[in-house]
């Protein structure tokens, strides 16, 4: 399935490689985007972060406050072109232990 701008929808969990996590972002209270993930028996290596954004939602207990639900990253990778990755701050259900997700991939034209 293709999303906007030719991205292929993936929606699969990523396993961060612990030694590659960015501690400076964590000091600001944000998830430290790992520079390497394990994904479907492959490695996904982030070479450059192109942009970041946050997805917010209302408080679930009825107050008027808004909370960050997901941290999004659009990044260039060594193996798979441009990817969109998100970090889910409060995962629910059966996927509680999975916080990093590969949303979509836009592979280079010579690999598509």
Foldseek 3Di string as FASTA:
>chain_A
DADPPRWAFDWDFWAADVVQFDVVVVVVVHGGDGQWTQDPNDIWGFDFWPDKDFDWDADPVDDRDIDTQKIWTWTQTPPFGTWIKIFGPQDDDPCRVGGITTGTTRGPPVVD
